Amino acid sequence: SGGGLVQAGGSLRLSCAASGSIFRVNLMGWYRQAPG
């Protein structure tokens, strides 16, 4: 959650809530994909 439209120079905060068989030692991360 937390995405949206913002002007250049602005800020956003993304959140990712995990559930299920979670191990707190495991890596978590963010990736992105631009069009094309």
PDB file of all heavy atoms in Angstrom:
ATOM      1  N   SER A   1       0.851  -1.182   0.000  1.00  0.00           N
ATOM      2  CA  SER A   1       0.000   0.000   0.000  1.00  0.00           C
ATOM      3  C   SER A   1       0.884   1.228   0.000  1.00  0.00           C
ATOM      4  O   SER A   1       2.089   1.141   0.281  1.00  0.00           O
ATOM      5  CB  SER A   1      -0.930   0.010   1.215  1.00  0.00           C
ATOM      6  OG  SER A   1      -0.177   0.029   2.419  1.00  0.00           O
ATOM      7  N   GLY A   2       0.289   2.366  -0.336  1.00  0.00           N
ATOM      8  CA  GLY A   2       1.002   3.631  -0.232  1.00  0.00           C
ATOM      9  C   GLY A   2       1.427   4.265  -1.533  1.00  0.00           C
ATOM     10  O   GLY A   2       1.991   5.359  -1.532  1.00  0.00           O
ATOM     11  N   GLY A   3       1.190   3.598  -2.644  1.00  0.00           N
ATOM     12  CA  GLY A   3       1.554   4.197  -3.916  1.00  0.00           C
ATOM     13  C   GLY A   3       0.632   5.347  -4.269  1.00  0.00           C
ATOM     14  O   GLY A   3      -0.339   5.633  -3.565  1.00  0.00           O
ATOM     15  N   GLY A   4       0.966   6.037  -5.358  1.00  0.00           N
ATOM     16  CA  GLY A   4       0.130   7.139  -5.809  1.00  0.00           C
ATOM     17  C   GLY A   4       0.848   8.025  -6.789  1.00  0.00           C
ATOM     18  O   GLY A   4       1.906   7.665  -7.325  1.00  0.00           O
ATOM     19  N   LEU A   5       0.259   9.177  -7.005  1.00  0.00           N
ATOM     20  CA  LEU A   5       0.797  10.182  -7.923  1.00  0.00           C
ATOM     21  C   LEU A   5       1.411  11.310  -7.103  1.00  0.00           C
ATOM     22  O   LEU A   5       0.776  11.839  -6.187  1.00  0.00           O
ATOM     23  CB  LEU A   5      -0.318  10.719  -8.818  1.00  0.00           C
ATOM     24  CG  LEU A   5       0.025  11.899  -9.724  1.00  0.00           C
ATOM     25  CD1 LEU A   5       1.079  11.496 -10.746  1.00  0.00           C
ATOM     26  CD2 LEU A   5      -1.240  12.405 -10.408  1.00  0.00           C
ATOM     27  N   VAL A   6       2.636  11.666  -7.456  1.00  0.00           N
ATOM     28  CA  VAL A   6       3.334  12.725  -6.728  1.00  0.00           C
ATOM     29  C   VAL A   6       4.175  13.520  -7.710  1.00  0.00           C
ATOM     30  O   VAL A   6       4.606  12.993  -8.744  1.00  0.00           O
ATOM     31  CB  VAL A   6       4.205  12.114  -5.611  1.00  0.00           C
ATOM     32  CG1 VAL A   6       5.322  11.245  -6.181  1.00  0.00           C
ATOM     33  CG2 VAL A   6       4.759  13.171  -4.682  1.00  0.00           C
ATOM     34  N   GLN A   7       4.389  14.774  -7.410  1.00  0.00           N
ATOM     35  CA  GLN A   7       5.244  15.607  -8.251  1.00  0.00           C
ATOM     36  C   GLN A   7       6.714  15.329  -7.966  1.00  0.00           C
ATOM     37  O   GLN A   7       7.084  14.877  -6.869  1.00  0.00           O
ATOM     38  CB  GLN A   7       4.947  17.082  -8.008  1.00  0.00           C
ATOM     39  CG  GLN A   7       3.608  17.548  -8.562  1.00  0.00           C
ATOM     40  CD  GLN A   7       3.437  19.054  -8.471  1.00  0.00           C
ATOM     41  OE1 GLN A   7       3.991  19.689  -7.589  1.00  0.00           O
ATOM     42  NE2 GLN A   7       2.657  19.612  -9.394  1.00  0.00           N
ATOM     43  N   ALA A   8       7.528  15.602  -8.935  1.00  0.00           N
ATOM     44  CA  ALA A   8       8.968  15.449  -8.760  1.00  0.00           C
ATOM     45  C   ALA A   8       9.427  16.250  -7.544  1.00  0.00           C
ATOM     46  O   ALA A   8       8.976  17.380  -7.336  1.00  0.00           O
ATOM     47  CB  ALA A   8       9.702  15.900 -10.007  1.00  0.00           C
ATOM     48  N   GLY A   9      10.296  15.629  -6.765  1.00  0.00           N
ATOM     49  CA  GLY A   9      10.760  16.252  -5.533  1.00  0.00           C
ATOM     50  C   GLY A   9       9.946  15.874  -4.313  1.00  0.00           C
ATOM     51  O   GLY A   9      10.357  16.157  -3.180  1.00  0.00           O
ATOM     52  N   GLY A  10       8.815  15.228  -4.540  1.00  0.00           N
ATOM     53  CA  GLY A  10       7.944  14.846  -3.441  1.00  0.00           C
ATOM     54  C   GLY A  10       8.359  13.545  -2.786  1.00  0.00           C
ATOM     55  O   GLY A  10       9.402  12.958  -3.110  1.00  0.00           O
ATOM     56  N   SER A  11       7.524  13.108  -1.864  1.00  0.00           N
ATOM     57  CA  SER A  11       7.815  11.905  -1.081  1.00  0.00           C
ATOM     58  C   SER A  11       6.604  10.988  -1.032  1.00  0.00           C
ATOM     59  O   SER A  11       5.459  11.435  -1.129  1.00  0.00           O
ATOM     60  CB  SER A  11       8.194  12.291   0.353  1.00  0.00           C
ATOM     61  OG  SER A  11       9.339  13.108   0.391  1.00  0.00           O
ATOM     62  N   LEU A  12       6.890   9.706  -0.879  1.00  0.00           N
ATOM     63  CA  LEU A  12       5.865   8.691  -0.647  1.00  0.00           C
ATOM     64  C   LEU A  12       6.434   7.649   0.297  1.00  0.00           C
ATOM     65  O   LEU A  12       7.657   7.424   0.330  1.00  0.00           O
ATOM     66  CB  LEU A  12       5.447   8.004  -1.944  1.00  0.00           C
ATOM     67  CG  LEU A  12       4.509   8.713  -2.890  1.00  0.00           C
ATOM     68  CD1 LEU A  12       4.360   7.898  -4.177  1.00  0.00           C
ATOM     69  CD2 LEU A  12       3.151   8.961  -2.260  1.00  0.00           C
ATOM     70  N   ARG A  13       5.535   6.989   1.020  1.00  0.00           N
ATOM     71  CA  ARG A  13       5.947   5.882   1.885  1.00  0.00           C
ATOM     72  C   ARG A  13       5.136   4.653   1.522  1.00  0.00           C
ATOM     73  O   ARG A  13       3.903   4.664   1.612  1.00  0.00           O
ATOM     74  CB  ARG A  13       5.738   6.225   3.354  1.00  0.00           C
ATOM     75  CG  ARG A  13       6.317   5.187   4.309  1.00  0.00           C
ATOM     76  CD  ARG A  13       5.818   5.424   5.702  1.00  0.00           C
ATOM     77  NE  ARG A  13       6.576   4.700   6.715  1.00  0.00           N
ATOM     78  CZ  ARG A  13       6.066   4.309   7.884  1.00  0.00           C
ATOM     79  NH1 ARG A  13       4.802   4.579   8.169  1.00  0.00           N
ATOM     80  NH2 ARG A  13       6.823   3.656   8.750  1.00  0.00           N
ATOM     81  N   LEU A  14       5.830   3.618   1.111  1.00  0.00           N
ATOM     82  CA  LEU A  14       5.184   2.346   0.792  1.00  0.00           C
ATOM     83  C   LEU A  14       5.249   1.415   1.997  1.00  0.00           C
ATOM     84  O   LEU A  14       6.231   1.424   2.738  1.00  0.00           O
ATOM     85  CB  LEU A  14       5.861   1.678  -0.395  1.00  0.00           C
ATOM     86  CG  LEU A  14       5.991   2.506  -1.674  1.00  0.00           C
ATOM     87  CD1 LEU A  14       6.630   1.650  -2.778  1.00  0.00           C
ATOM     88  CD2 LEU A  14       4.661   3.062  -2.119  1.00  0.00           C
ATOM     89  N   SER A  15       4.202   0.620   2.143  1.00  0.00           N
ATOM     90  CA  SER A  15       4.164  -0.389   3.200  1.00  0.00           C
ATOM     91  C   SER A  15       3.857  -1.741   2.588  1.00  0.00           C
ATOM     92  O   SER A  15       3.150  -1.832   1.588  1.00  0.00           O
ATOM     93  CB  SER A  15       3.084  -0.060   4.236  1.00  0.00           C
ATOM     94  OG  SER A  15       3.320   1.176   4.862  1.00  0.00           O
ATOM     95  N   CYS A  16       4.386  -2.775   3.210  1.00  0.00           N
ATOM     96  CA  CYS A  16       4.121  -4.145   2.772  1.00  0.00           C
ATOM     97  C   CYS A  16       3.885  -4.986   4.016  1.00  0.00           C
ATOM     98  O   CYS A  16       4.797  -5.195   4.817  1.00  0.00           O
ATOM     99  CB  CYS A  16       5.288  -4.693   1.975  1.00  0.00           C
ATOM    100  SG  CYS A  16       5.140  -6.460   1.594  1.00  0.00           S
ATOM    101  N   ALA A  17       2.662  -5.459   4.142  1.00  0.00           N
ATOM    102  CA  ALA A  17       2.298  -6.301   5.273  1.00  0.00           C
ATOM    103  C   ALA A  17       2.384  -7.767   4.860  1.00  0.00           C
ATOM    104  O   ALA A  17       1.758  -8.164   3.870  1.00  0.00           O
ATOM    105  CB  ALA A  17       0.896  -5.964   5.744  1.00  0.00           C
ATOM    106  N   ALA A  18       3.149  -8.536   5.608  1.00  0.00           N
ATOM    107  CA  ALA A  18       3.340  -9.948   5.305  1.00  0.00           C
ATOM    108  C   ALA A  18       2.566 -10.807   6.288  1.00  0.00           C
ATOM    109  O   ALA A  18       2.460 -10.478   7.469  1.00  0.00           O
ATOM    110  CB  ALA A  18       4.823 -10.296   5.370  1.00  0.00           C
ATOM    111  N   SER A  19       2.029 -11.898   5.786  1.00  0.00           N
ATOM    112  CA  SER A  19       1.330 -12.848   6.655  1.00  0.00           C
ATOM    113  C   SER A  19       1.616 -14.255   6.166  1.00  0.00           C
ATOM    114  O   SER A  19       2.066 -14.457   5.045  1.00  0.00           O
ATOM    115  CB  SER A  19      -0.173 -12.574   6.667  1.00  0.00           C
ATOM    116  OG  SER A  19      -0.711 -12.698   5.371  1.00  0.00           O
ATOM    117  N   GLY A  20       1.347 -15.226   7.032  1.00  0.00           N
ATOM    118  CA  GLY A  20       1.606 -16.612   6.685  1.00  0.00           C
ATOM    119  C   GLY A  20       2.857 -17.123   7.384  1.00  0.00           C
ATOM    120  O   GLY A  20       3.159 -16.723   8.498  1.00  0.00           O
ATOM    121  N   SER A  21       3.590 -17.969   6.689  1.00  0.00           N
ATOM    122  CA  SER A  21       4.771 -18.621   7.282  1.00  0.00           C
ATOM    123  C   SER A  21       5.986 -17.706   7.146  1.00  0.00           C
ATOM    124  O   SER A  21       6.856 -17.912   6.314  1.00  0.00           O
ATOM    125  CB  SER A  21       5.026 -19.962   6.587  1.00  0.00           C
ATOM    126  OG  SER A  21       3.918 -20.820   6.723  1.00  0.00           O
ATOM    127  N   ILE A  22       6.008 -16.689   8.014  1.00  0.00           N
ATOM    128  CA  ILE A  22       7.061 -15.672   7.972  1.00  0.00           C
ATOM    129  C   ILE A  22       8.172 -16.011   8.953  1.00  0.00           C
ATOM    130  O   ILE A  22       7.909 -16.332  10.106  1.00  0.00           O
ATOM    131  CB  ILE A  22       6.483 -14.291   8.329  1.00  0.00           C
ATOM    132  CG1 ILE A  22       5.372 -13.907   7.361  1.00  0.00           C
ATOM    133  CG2 ILE A  22       7.579 -13.240   8.329  1.00  0.00           C
ATOM    134  CD1 ILE A  22       5.840 -13.756   5.940  1.00  0.00           C
ATOM    135  N   PHE A  23       9.398 -15.932   8.468  1.00  0.00           N
ATOM    136  CA  PHE A  23      10.571 -16.034   9.329  1.00  0.00           C
ATOM    137  C   PHE A  23      11.254 -14.678   9.344  1.00  0.00           C
ATOM    138  O   PHE A  23      11.614 -14.142   8.302  1.00  0.00           O
ATOM    139  CB  PHE A  23      11.524 -17.112   8.830  1.00  0.00           C
ATOM    140  CG  PHE A  23      10.958 -18.495   8.954  1.00  0.00           C
ATOM    141  CD1 PHE A  23      10.311 -19.077   7.874  1.00  0.00           C
ATOM    142  CD2 PHE A  23      11.055 -19.204  10.130  1.00  0.00           C
ATOM    143  CE1 PHE A  23       9.769 -20.351   7.973  1.00  0.00           C
ATOM    144  CE2 PHE A  23      10.528 -20.481  10.238  1.00  0.00           C
ATOM    145  CZ  PHE A  23       9.878 -21.050   9.155  1.00  0.00           C
ATOM    146  N   ARG A  24      11.411 -14.129  10.512  1.00  0.00           N
ATOM    147  CA  ARG A  24      11.902 -12.765  10.642  1.00  0.00           C
ATOM    148  C   ARG A  24      13.350 -12.617  10.217  1.00  0.00           C
ATOM    149  O   ARG A  24      13.812 -11.486  10.034  1.00  0.00           O
ATOM    150  CB  ARG A  24      11.678 -12.272  12.067  1.00  0.00           C
ATOM    151  CG  ARG A  24      10.207 -12.199  12.420  1.00  0.00           C
ATOM    152  CD  ARG A  24       9.965 -11.851  13.867  1.00  0.00           C
ATOM    153  NE  ARG A  24       8.538 -11.729  14.131  1.00  0.00           N
ATOM    154  CZ  ARG A  24       8.041 -11.483  15.343  1.00  0.00           C
ATOM    155  NH1 ARG A  24       8.844 -11.326  16.378  1.00  0.00           N
ATOM    156  NH2 ARG A  24       6.734 -11.390  15.513  1.00  0.00           N
ATOM    157  N   VAL A  25      14.079 -13.714  10.079  1.00  0.00           N
ATOM    158  CA  VAL A  25      15.475 -13.600   9.642  1.00  0.00           C
ATOM    159  C   VAL A  25      15.577 -13.462   8.131  1.00  0.00           C
ATOM    160  O   VAL A  25      16.633 -13.134   7.612  1.00  0.00           O
ATOM    161  CB  VAL A  25      16.295 -14.810  10.104  1.00  0.00           C
ATOM    162  CG1 VAL A  25      16.312 -14.885  11.617  1.00  0.00           C
ATOM    163  CG2 VAL A  25      15.762 -16.105   9.494  1.00  0.00           C
ATOM    164  N   ASN A  26      14.474 -13.723   7.435  1.00  0.00           N
ATOM    165  CA  ASN A  26      14.550 -13.741   5.978  1.00  0.00           C
ATOM    166  C   ASN A  26      14.617 -12.343   5.381  1.00  0.00           C
ATOM    167  O   ASN A  26      14.106 -11.382   5.941  1.00  0.00           O
ATOM    168  CB  ASN A  26      13.342 -14.483   5.403  1.00  0.00           C
ATOM    169  CG  ASN A  26      13.473 -15.982   5.566  1.00  0.00           C
ATOM    170  OD1 ASN A  26      14.057 -16.459   6.529  1.00  0.00           O
ATOM    171  ND2 ASN A  26      12.944 -16.727   4.622  1.00  0.00           N
ATOM    172  N   LEU A  27      15.246 -12.299   4.203  1.00  0.00           N
ATOM    173  CA  LEU A  27      15.317 -11.053   3.462  1.00  0.00           C
ATOM    174  C   LEU A  27      13.948 -10.626   2.971  1.00  0.00           C
ATOM    175  O   LEU A  27      13.141 -11.460   2.543  1.00  0.00           O
ATOM    176  CB  LEU A  27      16.243 -11.208   2.256  1.00  0.00           C
ATOM    177  CG  LEU A  27      17.758 -11.236   2.497  1.00  0.00           C
ATOM    178  CD1 LEU A  27      18.469 -11.622   1.211  1.00  0.00           C
ATOM    179  CD2 LEU A  27      18.241  -9.894   2.993  1.00  0.00           C
ATOM    180  N   MET A  28      13.720  -9.328   3.033  1.00  0.00           N
ATOM    181  CA  MET A  28      12.564  -8.735   2.385  1.00  0.00           C
ATOM    182  C   MET A  28      13.055  -7.544   1.582  1.00  0.00           C
ATOM    183  O   MET A  28      14.106  -6.968   1.890  1.00  0.00           O
ATOM    184  CB  MET A  28      11.504  -8.301   3.395  1.00  0.00           C
ATOM    185  CG  MET A  28      10.858  -9.456   4.124  1.00  0.00           C
ATOM    186  SD  MET A  28       9.418  -8.974   5.102  1.00  0.00           S
ATOM    187  CE  MET A  28       8.220  -8.612   3.799  1.00  0.00           C
ATOM    188  N   GLY A  29      12.300  -7.188   0.557  1.00  0.00           N
ATOM    189  CA  GLY A  29      12.779  -6.100  -0.262  1.00  0.00           C
ATOM    190  C   GLY A  29      11.709  -5.500  -1.136  1.00  0.00           C
ATOM    191  O   GLY A  29      10.553  -5.948  -1.149  1.00  0.00           O
ATOM    192  N   TRP A  30      12.126  -4.486  -1.843  1.00  0.00           N
ATOM    193  CA  TRP A  30      11.273  -3.787  -2.814  1.00  0.00           C
ATOM    194  C   TRP A  30      11.952  -3.837  -4.176  1.00  0.00           C
ATOM    195  O   TRP A  30      13.152  -3.605  -4.281  1.00  0.00           O
ATOM    196  CB  TRP A  30      11.059  -2.333  -2.404  1.00  0.00           C
ATOM    197  CG  TRP A  30      10.195  -2.164  -1.206  1.00  0.00           C
ATOM    198  CD1 TRP A  30      10.609  -2.035   0.094  1.00  0.00           C
ATOM    199  CD2 TRP A  30       8.769  -2.124  -1.188  1.00  0.00           C
ATOM    200  NE1 TRP A  30       9.516  -1.915   0.922  1.00  0.00           N
ATOM    201  CE2 TRP A  30       8.383  -1.957   0.162  1.00  0.00           C
ATOM    202  CE3 TRP A  30       7.774  -2.196  -2.164  1.00  0.00           C
ATOM    203  CZ2 TRP A  30       7.042  -1.868   0.550  1.00  0.00           C
ATOM    204  CZ3 TRP A  30       6.447  -2.101  -1.775  1.00  0.00           C
ATOM    205  CH2 TRP A  30       6.093  -1.948  -0.436  1.00  0.00           C
ATOM    206  N   TYR A  31      11.146  -4.132  -5.167  1.00  0.00           N
ATOM    207  CA  TYR A  31      11.560  -4.110  -6.557  1.00  0.00           C
ATOM    208  C   TYR A  31      10.595  -3.209  -7.302  1.00  0.00           C
ATOM    209  O   TYR A  31       9.500  -2.924  -6.821  1.00  0.00           O
ATOM    210  CB  TYR A  31      11.527  -5.524  -7.157  1.00  0.00           C
ATOM    211  CG  TYR A  31      12.577  -6.457  -6.602  1.00  0.00           C
ATOM    212  CD1 TYR A  31      12.493  -6.945  -5.302  1.00  0.00           C
ATOM    213  CD2 TYR A  31      13.654  -6.875  -7.387  1.00  0.00           C
ATOM    214  CE1 TYR A  31      13.464  -7.798  -4.784  1.00  0.00           C
ATOM    215  CE2 TYR A  31      14.618  -7.737  -6.892  1.00  0.00           C
ATOM    216  CZ  TYR A  31      14.511  -8.187  -5.589  1.00  0.00           C
ATOM    217  OH  TYR A  31      15.464  -9.032  -5.094  1.00  0.00           O
ATOM    218  N   ARG A  32      11.000  -2.778  -8.489  1.00  0.00           N
ATOM    219  CA  ARG A  32      10.092  -1.972  -9.299  1.00  0.00           C
ATOM    220  C   ARG A  32      10.238  -2.348 -10.761  1.00  0.00           C
ATOM    221  O   ARG A  32      11.270  -2.854 -11.206  1.00  0.00           O
ATOM    222  CB  ARG A  32      10.358  -0.481  -9.109  1.00  0.00           C
ATOM    223  CG  ARG A  32      11.687   0.003  -9.657  1.00  0.00           C
ATOM    224  CD  ARG A  32      11.925   1.450  -9.281  1.00  0.00           C
ATOM    225  NE  ARG A  32      13.206   1.954  -9.779  1.00  0.00           N
ATOM    226  CZ  ARG A  32      13.744   3.109  -9.421  1.00  0.00           C
ATOM    227  NH1 ARG A  32      13.101   3.905  -8.554  1.00  0.00           N
ATOM    228  NH2 ARG A  32      14.897   3.483  -9.929  1.00  0.00           N
ATOM    229  N   GLN A  33       9.161  -2.070 -11.482  1.00  0.00           N
ATOM    230  CA  GLN A  33       9.152  -2.343 -12.917  1.00  0.00           C
ATOM    231  C   GLN A  33       8.521  -1.172 -13.639  1.00  0.00           C
ATOM    232  O   GLN A  33       7.350  -0.849 -13.409  1.00  0.00           O
ATOM    233  CB  GLN A  33       8.390  -3.633 -13.216  1.00  0.00           C
ATOM    234  CG  GLN A  33       8.506  -4.077 -14.660  1.00  0.00           C
ATOM    235  CD  GLN A  33       8.047  -5.506 -14.866  1.00  0.00           C
ATOM    236  OE1 GLN A  33       7.349  -6.079 -14.021  1.00  0.00           O
ATOM    237  NE2 GLN A  33       8.434  -6.106 -15.979  1.00  0.00           N
ATOM    238  N   ALA A  34       9.316  -0.535 -14.473  1.00  0.00           N
ATOM    239  CA  ALA A  34       8.829   0.566 -15.293  1.00  0.00           C
ATOM    240  C   ALA A  34       8.276  -0.003 -16.599  1.00  0.00           C
ATOM    241  O   ALA A  34       8.665  -1.103 -17.013  1.00  0.00           O
ATOM    242  CB  ALA A  34       9.959   1.551 -15.568  1.00  0.00           C
ATOM    243  N   PRO A  35       7.401   0.740 -17.257  1.00  0.00           N
ATOM    244  CA  PRO A  35       6.837   0.248 -18.521  1.00  0.00           C
ATOM    245  C   PRO A  35       7.923  -0.102 -19.526  1.00  0.00           C
ATOM    246  O   PRO A  35       8.839   0.689 -19.764  1.00  0.00           O
ATOM    247  CB  PRO A  35       5.994   1.424 -19.005  1.00  0.00           C
ATOM    248  CG  PRO A  35       5.635   2.165 -17.757  1.00  0.00           C
ATOM    249  CD  PRO A  35       6.826   2.021 -16.855  1.00  0.00           C
ATOM    250  N   GLY A  36       7.842  -1.295 -20.081  1.00  0.00           N
ATOM    251  CA  GLY A  36       8.791  -1.719 -21.094  1.00  0.00           C
ATOM    252  C   GLY A  36      10.142  -2.131 -20.567  1.00  0.00           C
ATOM    253  O   GLY A  36      11.061  -2.411 -21.346  1.00  0.00           O
TER     254      GLY A  36
END
